[in-house]
Amino acid sequence: MRIEEILEKEKLTRDDLITLMKITDSKELDMLYKKAYEVKTEEVGRKVYYRGLIEISNICIKNCNYCGIRKGNCKTERFSMSKEEIMKGVKWIYENNYGSLALQSGERQDDEFTDFIEDIIKEIKKLSNGRLGITLSLGEQSYETYKRWFDAGAHRYLLRIESTNEELFKKLHPQDGKHTFEVRKKCLEYLRNIGYQVGTGVMIGLPGQTEEDLVDDILFYRDMKIDMIGMGPYIIHKDTPLGQEWEHIVLPKEKRVELGLKMIAITRIFLRDVNIAATTALQGLDSHGREKGLLAGANILMPTATLEEHKKKYLLYDDKPGIEDSVEKCRDDMDMKVKSIGDEIVYGEWGDSLHFKRKKK
């Protein structure tokens, strides 16, 4: 079946998705991206929602083999923002009318951290009179912890599965009994059952990863009733086991960007009304990566509002873009990128997932 015929089908099969994922011809790629943008326009509009991102700490109890803030990386300067520092960023996001923010950090599961996050959520609600939407990306937690944070006012949670190929998942994580696929999946189920808008995602372009693996990731999003997707191309961090092992075998930048854009486009076509982020990793490999992501079907951007003195310390991978920029420059650059392609930035709204809203009806 020709690509044009597949793109006009009402329901796509796994084989259809694999055919789309294996596209390499430039004209066919353009057709794929155009179709995804049409679906985006039809389902969620030519609208882009900001999530002001505050990276509150790079202290982590986990030791993932790919991550720059892994517990075992002794070269990383550790930090944890105080409540006052976090609220300074929150105030800037609120005053700049972003509508929503995201709190991200390395993983901790101790009572002090749980209490601290609960307090911060309540303070955000108080400062913004309940107007700021709150996304959390704080790793694996117990059902009780997730529930406490939800009850305090958080309503979206991003927990990336990283890969649904369990052999790849094992490669990405040390086999110490603390990094298991089953626990990660169970956490996503906890989040959905509590009532969060649930987000997940994968790394794209990993050595050994196939087009079939990526399609199965998309099918996982469907089967797990995921509301928002945050996924991006893999970028090494030189001070990690996989960064050193994969340095000379990782796919070329252009290929990883292409795969990243195909994942956005095919996910948009297949799942239609979910929220999809154009991630920083795309920008890290291509100076126009975010714009290309929006044109391939993404509708969420996460401009950083992390304090400048801490930005350089929160490096999950090498060559992260924007770490020298002020929050104002990050905002202005992103505004310019969105407007350059004709999309509309929606200020002052949460930008909740339509997929989530429609499920609730």
Protein backbone atom coordinates (compact mmCIF):
# COMPACT_ATOMS: atom_id res chain seq x y z
CA MET A 1 0.00 0.00 0.00
CA ARG A 2 1.26 3.47 -0.88
CA ILE A 3 2.02 6.03 1.83
CA GLU A 4 -0.82 8.27 0.56
CA GLU A 5 -3.30 5.43 1.02
CA ILE A 6 -2.09 4.61 4.53
CA LEU A 7 -2.36 8.26 5.57
CA GLU A 8 -5.98 8.36 4.41
CA LYS A 9 -7.02 5.28 6.38
CA GLU A 10 -9.37 5.82 9.30
CA LYS A 11 -7.72 3.15 11.47
CA LEU A 12 -4.05 2.27 11.23
CA THR A 13 -2.69 -1.21 11.97
CA ARG A 14 0.67 -1.99 13.54
CA ASP A 15 1.98 -2.84 10.06
CA ASP A 16 0.78 0.56 8.79
CA LEU A 17 2.62 2.29 11.61
CA ILE A 18 5.81 0.34 10.88
CA THR A 19 5.59 1.32 7.20
CA LEU A 20 5.27 4.98 8.20
CA MET A 21 8.15 4.67 10.68
CA LYS A 22 10.41 3.29 7.95
CA ILE A 23 9.84 6.21 5.58
CA THR A 24 13.12 7.76 4.40
CA ASP A 25 12.11 9.48 1.14
CA SER A 26 11.98 13.27 1.63
CA LYS A 27 8.69 13.67 -0.28
CA GLU A 28 7.04 10.94 1.74
CA LEU A 29 8.35 12.48 4.96
CA ASP A 30 6.82 15.81 3.95
CA MET A 31 3.52 14.03 3.34
CA LEU A 32 3.71 12.44 6.80
CA TYR A 33 4.43 15.75 8.55
CA LYS A 34 1.73 17.55 6.57
CA LYS A 35 -0.85 14.94 7.53
CA ALA A 36 0.18 15.14 11.20
CA TYR A 37 -0.14 18.94 11.15
CA GLU A 38 -3.59 18.60 9.57
CA VAL A 39 -4.64 16.26 12.39
CA LYS A 40 -3.19 18.64 14.96
CA THR A 41 -5.11 21.56 13.40
CA GLU A 42 -8.33 19.57 13.35
CA GLU A 43 -8.08 18.06 16.84
CA VAL A 44 -6.27 20.59 19.05
CA GLY A 45 -5.90 23.62 16.81
CA ARG A 46 -2.78 25.49 15.70
CA LYS A 47 -2.18 26.35 19.33
CA VAL A 48 0.89 26.01 21.52
CA TYR A 49 0.78 25.90 25.32
CA TYR A 50 3.74 26.72 27.54
CA ARG A 51 4.80 24.81 30.64
CA GLY A 52 7.28 26.95 32.56
CA LEU A 53 9.89 24.39 33.63
CA ILE A 54 11.63 24.65 37.00
CA GLU A 55 14.35 22.04 37.59
CA ILE A 56 14.37 22.12 41.38
CA SER A 57 17.12 19.61 42.22
CA ASN A 58 19.62 17.27 40.59
CA ILE A 59 19.96 15.00 43.62
CA CYS A 60 18.85 11.50 42.62
CA ILE A 61 18.71 8.11 44.32
CA LYS A 62 18.66 6.27 40.99
CA ASN A 63 21.67 5.30 38.89
CA CYS A 64 20.30 5.09 35.34
CA ASN A 65 23.05 4.24 32.87
CA TYR A 66 22.28 7.10 30.45
CA CYS A 67 21.55 10.01 32.77
CA GLY A 68 23.94 12.83 33.66
CA ILE A 69 22.48 13.32 37.14
CA ARG A 70 22.68 9.62 38.02
CA LYS A 71 23.69 8.97 41.64
CA GLY A 72 27.04 7.53 40.58
CA ASN A 73 28.17 10.59 38.58
CA CYS A 74 30.67 12.20 40.95
CA LYS A 75 31.46 14.99 38.47
CA THR A 76 28.04 16.61 38.84
CA GLU A 77 27.73 19.58 41.21
CA ARG A 78 24.61 18.83 43.23
CA PHE A 79 21.96 21.38 44.18
CA SER A 80 18.49 21.60 45.68
CA MET A 81 16.54 24.83 45.42
CA SER A 82 15.05 26.32 48.54
CA LYS A 83 11.35 27.08 48.77
CA GLU A 84 12.15 30.76 48.24
CA GLU A 85 14.14 30.04 45.08
CA ILE A 86 11.41 27.85 43.63
CA MET A 87 8.71 30.39 44.37
CA LYS A 88 10.79 33.09 42.68
CA GLY A 89 10.56 31.05 39.48
CA VAL A 90 6.86 30.36 40.07
CA LYS A 91 6.20 34.09 40.47
CA TRP A 92 7.98 34.84 37.19
CA ILE A 93 5.96 32.16 35.36
CA TYR A 94 2.69 33.49 36.82
CA GLU A 95 3.51 37.11 36.02
CA ASN A 96 4.42 36.13 32.45
CA ASN A 97 1.02 34.45 32.06
CA TYR A 98 2.25 31.01 31.02
CA GLY A 99 -0.80 29.33 32.51
CA SER A 100 1.06 26.22 33.64
CA LEU A 101 4.34 25.14 35.14
CA ALA A 102 6.28 21.90 35.52
CA LEU A 103 8.44 20.92 38.49
CA GLN A 104 11.18 18.45 37.64
CA SER A 105 13.96 16.93 39.72
CA GLY A 106 16.09 13.90 40.32
CA GLU A 107 14.24 11.16 42.16
CA ARG A 108 13.87 11.11 45.91
CA GLN A 109 11.41 9.07 47.94
CA ASP A 110 12.07 10.23 51.51
CA ASP A 111 9.45 11.81 53.75
CA GLU A 112 11.22 15.18 53.81
CA PHE A 113 11.04 15.44 50.01
CA THR A 114 7.40 14.31 49.93
CA ASP A 115 6.45 16.95 52.51
CA PHE A 116 8.49 19.62 50.72
CA ILE A 117 6.78 19.03 47.35
CA GLU A 118 3.34 19.00 48.96
CA ASP A 119 4.09 22.34 50.59
CA ILE A 120 5.38 23.82 47.32
CA ILE A 121 2.24 22.73 45.45
CA LYS A 122 0.05 24.43 48.05
CA GLU A 123 2.18 27.59 47.87
CA ILE A 124 1.86 27.66 44.07
CA LYS A 125 -1.91 27.40 44.36
CA LYS A 126 -1.94 30.15 46.96
CA LEU A 127 0.30 32.53 45.02
CA SER A 128 -1.63 32.09 41.77
CA ASN A 129 -5.12 31.95 43.30
CA GLY A 130 -5.41 28.49 41.80
CA ARG A 131 -4.78 29.76 38.28
CA LEU A 132 -1.49 27.99 37.54
CA GLY A 133 -1.70 24.43 36.25
CA ILE A 134 0.87 22.12 37.85
CA THR A 135 2.73 19.27 36.18
CA LEU A 136 5.14 17.13 38.20
CA SER A 137 8.03 15.04 36.89
CA LEU A 138 9.56 13.61 40.04
CA GLY A 139 10.06 9.95 39.26
CA GLU A 140 8.71 6.78 40.80
CA GLN A 141 6.79 7.21 44.04
CA SER A 142 4.32 5.27 46.16
CA TYR A 143 0.58 5.47 45.51
CA GLU A 144 0.21 7.40 48.77
CA THR A 145 2.76 10.02 47.75
CA TYR A 146 1.19 10.54 44.33
CA LYS A 147 -2.21 10.89 46.01
CA ARG A 148 -0.95 13.48 48.49
CA TRP A 149 0.50 15.60 45.72
CA PHE A 150 -2.69 15.27 43.67
CA ASP A 151 -4.83 16.27 46.65
CA ALA A 152 -2.56 19.27 47.21
CA GLY A 153 -3.30 20.52 43.69
CA ALA A 154 -1.00 18.89 41.12
CA HIS A 155 -3.02 17.49 38.22
CA ARG A 156 -0.52 16.31 35.57
CA TYR A 157 2.40 13.92 35.99
CA LEU A 158 5.12 12.95 33.51
CA LEU A 159 6.93 9.64 34.04
CA ARG A 160 8.80 8.46 30.98
CA ILE A 161 8.91 4.73 30.30
CA GLU A 162 12.09 5.38 28.20
CA SER A 163 11.58 2.18 26.16
CA THR A 164 8.88 -0.47 26.11
CA ASN A 165 11.37 -3.01 24.75
CA GLU A 166 12.20 -4.63 28.08
CA GLU A 167 15.68 -5.68 26.96
CA LEU A 168 16.46 -2.08 26.01
CA PHE A 169 14.94 -0.93 29.30
CA LYS A 170 17.34 -3.25 31.14
CA LYS A 171 20.26 -1.84 29.14
CA LEU A 172 19.28 1.68 30.19
CA HIS A 173 19.14 0.79 33.87
CA PRO A 174 21.41 -1.07 36.32
CA GLN A 175 20.14 -4.52 37.21
CA ASP A 176 20.02 -3.94 40.95
CA GLY A 177 16.35 -4.65 41.57
CA LYS A 178 15.62 -0.93 41.99
CA HIS A 179 15.09 -0.10 38.30
CA THR A 180 12.41 -2.40 36.93
CA PHE A 181 10.01 -2.07 34.02
CA GLU A 182 7.20 -3.52 36.13
CA VAL A 183 7.52 -0.83 38.82
CA ARG A 184 7.64 1.95 36.22
CA LYS A 185 4.49 0.65 34.55
CA LYS A 186 2.74 0.20 37.90
CA CYS A 187 3.47 3.84 38.75
CA LEU A 188 1.77 4.94 35.53
CA GLU A 189 -1.25 2.89 36.55
CA TYR A 190 -1.25 4.51 40.01
CA LEU A 191 -1.22 7.97 38.43
CA ARG A 192 -4.12 7.17 36.09
CA ASN A 193 -6.20 5.63 38.88
CA ILE A 194 -5.67 8.64 41.14
CA GLY A 195 -6.94 10.99 38.44
CA TYR A 196 -3.84 12.67 37.04
CA GLN A 197 -3.44 13.53 33.40
CA VAL A 198 -0.73 10.96 32.76
CA GLY A 199 2.32 11.62 30.61
CA THR A 200 5.06 9.31 29.46
CA GLY A 201 7.56 9.02 26.63
CA VAL A 202 10.65 7.33 25.29
CA MET A 203 14.17 8.00 24.09
CA ILE A 204 14.45 7.78 20.33
CA GLY A 205 17.41 6.58 18.28
CA LEU A 206 19.02 4.32 20.87
CA PRO A 207 21.64 1.88 19.57
CA GLY A 208 19.85 -1.43 18.99
CA GLN A 209 16.40 0.18 18.86
CA THR A 210 14.29 -0.78 15.81
CA GLU A 211 11.42 0.92 14.02
CA GLU A 212 9.23 -1.89 15.37
CA ASP A 213 10.29 -0.97 18.91
CA LEU A 214 9.23 2.65 18.34
CA VAL A 215 5.86 1.58 16.95
CA ASP A 216 5.35 -0.62 20.01
CA ASP A 217 6.08 2.44 22.15
CA ILE A 218 3.22 4.27 20.42
CA LEU A 219 0.92 1.28 20.94
CA PHE A 220 1.91 1.36 24.63
CA TYR A 221 0.75 5.00 24.81
CA ARG A 222 -2.62 3.88 23.44
CA ASP A 223 -2.98 0.82 25.64
CA MET A 224 -2.02 2.73 28.80
CA LYS A 225 -4.49 5.53 27.96
CA ILE A 226 -1.73 8.13 28.06
CA ASP A 227 -2.84 11.77 27.87
CA MET A 228 0.42 13.58 27.14
CA ILE A 229 3.66 12.53 25.47
CA GLY A 230 7.16 13.85 26.14
CA MET A 231 9.73 12.06 23.98
CA GLY A 232 12.92 13.07 22.24
CA PRO A 233 16.05 11.86 20.51
CA TYR A 234 18.74 10.23 22.61
CA ILE A 235 21.78 12.41 23.33
CA ILE A 236 24.74 10.96 25.18
CA HIS A 237 26.21 12.27 28.41
CA LYS A 238 29.94 11.59 28.40
CA ASP A 239 30.08 10.88 32.15
CA THR A 240 27.70 7.92 32.03
CA PRO A 241 28.26 4.23 31.28
CA LEU A 242 26.18 4.33 28.10
CA GLY A 243 27.63 7.66 27.00
CA GLN A 244 31.05 6.06 27.00
CA GLU A 245 29.90 2.74 25.53
CA TRP A 246 27.76 4.27 22.77
CA GLU A 247 29.87 7.32 21.89
CA HIS A 248 31.02 5.92 18.53
CA ILE A 249 27.95 3.88 17.57
CA VAL A 250 25.08 6.28 18.24
CA LEU A 251 23.10 7.24 15.14
CA PRO A 252 24.02 10.50 13.36
CA LYS A 253 22.25 13.62 14.65
CA GLU A 254 20.20 14.00 11.49
CA LYS A 255 18.89 10.46 11.73
CA ARG A 256 17.93 10.86 15.40
CA VAL A 257 16.12 14.13 14.62
CA GLU A 258 14.30 12.47 11.73
CA LEU A 259 13.21 9.59 13.96
CA GLY A 260 12.10 12.06 16.63
CA LEU A 261 9.95 13.97 14.15
CA LYS A 262 8.49 10.75 12.76
CA MET A 263 7.56 9.67 16.29
CA ILE A 264 5.76 12.97 16.90
CA ALA A 265 3.95 12.82 13.56
CA ILE A 266 2.87 9.19 13.78
CA THR A 267 1.78 9.58 17.41
CA ARG A 268 -0.31 12.62 16.42
CA ILE A 269 -1.93 10.79 13.50
CA PHE A 270 -2.59 7.65 15.55
CA LEU A 271 -3.67 9.15 18.89
CA ARG A 272 -4.98 12.46 17.51
CA ASP A 273 -6.00 14.47 20.59
CA VAL A 274 -3.16 13.86 23.09
CA ASN A 275 -0.77 16.61 24.13
CA ILE A 276 2.67 16.17 22.55
CA ALA A 277 5.75 18.18 23.53
CA ALA A 278 8.45 19.39 21.17
CA THR A 279 11.30 18.63 23.56
CA THR A 280 14.56 20.37 24.36
CA ALA A 281 16.45 17.33 23.05
CA LEU A 282 15.18 18.06 19.53
CA GLN A 283 16.59 21.56 19.85
CA GLY A 284 19.82 20.09 21.19
CA LEU A 285 20.44 18.26 17.91
CA ASP A 286 18.88 20.75 15.48
CA SER A 287 18.72 24.53 15.95
CA HIS A 288 15.23 24.44 14.39
CA GLY A 289 14.19 21.27 16.21
CA ARG A 290 11.34 22.77 18.19
CA GLU A 291 9.75 24.44 15.16
CA LYS A 292 10.04 21.20 13.20
CA GLY A 293 8.45 19.38 16.13
CA LEU A 294 5.47 21.75 16.11
CA LEU A 295 5.09 21.35 12.35
CA ALA A 296 5.15 17.56 12.82
CA GLY A 297 2.22 17.73 15.26
CA ALA A 298 3.50 18.82 18.69
CA ASN A 299 1.53 21.42 20.68
CA ILE A 300 3.42 21.80 23.98
CA LEU A 301 6.67 23.66 24.74
CA MET A 302 8.52 23.83 28.04
CA PRO A 303 10.59 27.02 28.30
CA THR A 304 12.89 26.86 31.30
CA ALA A 305 12.43 29.09 34.32
CA THR A 306 15.17 27.43 36.37
CA LEU A 307 17.37 29.96 38.17
CA GLU A 308 20.41 30.79 36.06
CA GLU A 309 22.90 29.73 38.75
CA HIS A 310 21.49 26.18 38.67
CA LYS A 311 20.80 25.63 34.95
CA LYS A 312 24.26 24.30 34.14
CA LYS A 313 24.00 21.71 36.91
CA TYR A 314 20.84 20.05 35.58
CA LEU A 315 22.30 18.24 32.60
CA LEU A 316 20.66 14.93 31.74
CA TYR A 317 22.73 14.91 28.51
CA ASP A 318 25.58 16.87 26.92
CA ASP A 319 25.22 20.14 24.97
CA LYS A 320 21.82 21.05 26.40
CA PRO A 321 20.65 24.24 24.66
CA GLY A 322 19.81 27.47 26.46
CA ILE A 323 21.77 26.93 29.67
CA GLU A 324 23.52 30.29 29.28
CA ASP A 325 20.28 32.18 28.57
CA SER A 326 18.14 34.23 30.93
CA VAL A 327 14.50 33.26 31.44
CA GLU A 328 13.55 36.32 29.40
CA LYS A 329 15.72 35.26 26.47
CA CYS A 330 14.33 31.71 26.63
CA ARG A 331 10.81 33.14 26.47
CA ASP A 332 11.57 35.60 23.66
CA ASP A 333 13.38 32.98 21.55
CA MET A 334 10.52 30.53 21.97
CA ASP A 335 7.90 33.17 21.16
CA MET A 336 9.78 33.97 17.96
CA LYS A 337 10.05 30.30 16.96
CA VAL A 338 6.34 29.66 17.44
CA LYS A 339 5.27 32.78 15.59
CA SER A 340 7.66 32.01 12.72
CA ILE A 341 5.57 28.98 11.74
CA GLY A 342 2.20 30.65 12.25
CA ASP A 343 1.05 28.84 15.39
CA GLU A 344 -0.66 30.74 18.20
CA ILE A 345 0.79 30.88 21.73
CA VAL A 346 -2.05 30.50 24.21
CA TYR A 347 -1.33 32.41 27.38
CA GLY A 348 -3.15 32.14 30.68
CA GLU A 349 -4.68 28.70 30.05
CA TRP A 350 -3.75 25.29 31.44
CA GLY A 351 -3.86 23.64 28.04
CA ASP A 352 -5.14 20.36 29.44
CA SER A 353 -5.11 17.26 27.26
CA LEU A 354 -8.28 16.98 25.18
CA HIS A 355 -7.73 13.22 25.29
CA PHE A 356 -8.06 13.37 29.07
CA LYS A 357 -11.13 15.64 28.94
CA ARG A 358 -12.91 13.39 26.46
CA LYS A 359 -12.19 10.29 28.56
CA LYS A 360 -13.81 11.98 31.56
CA LYS A 361 -17.09 12.66 29.76
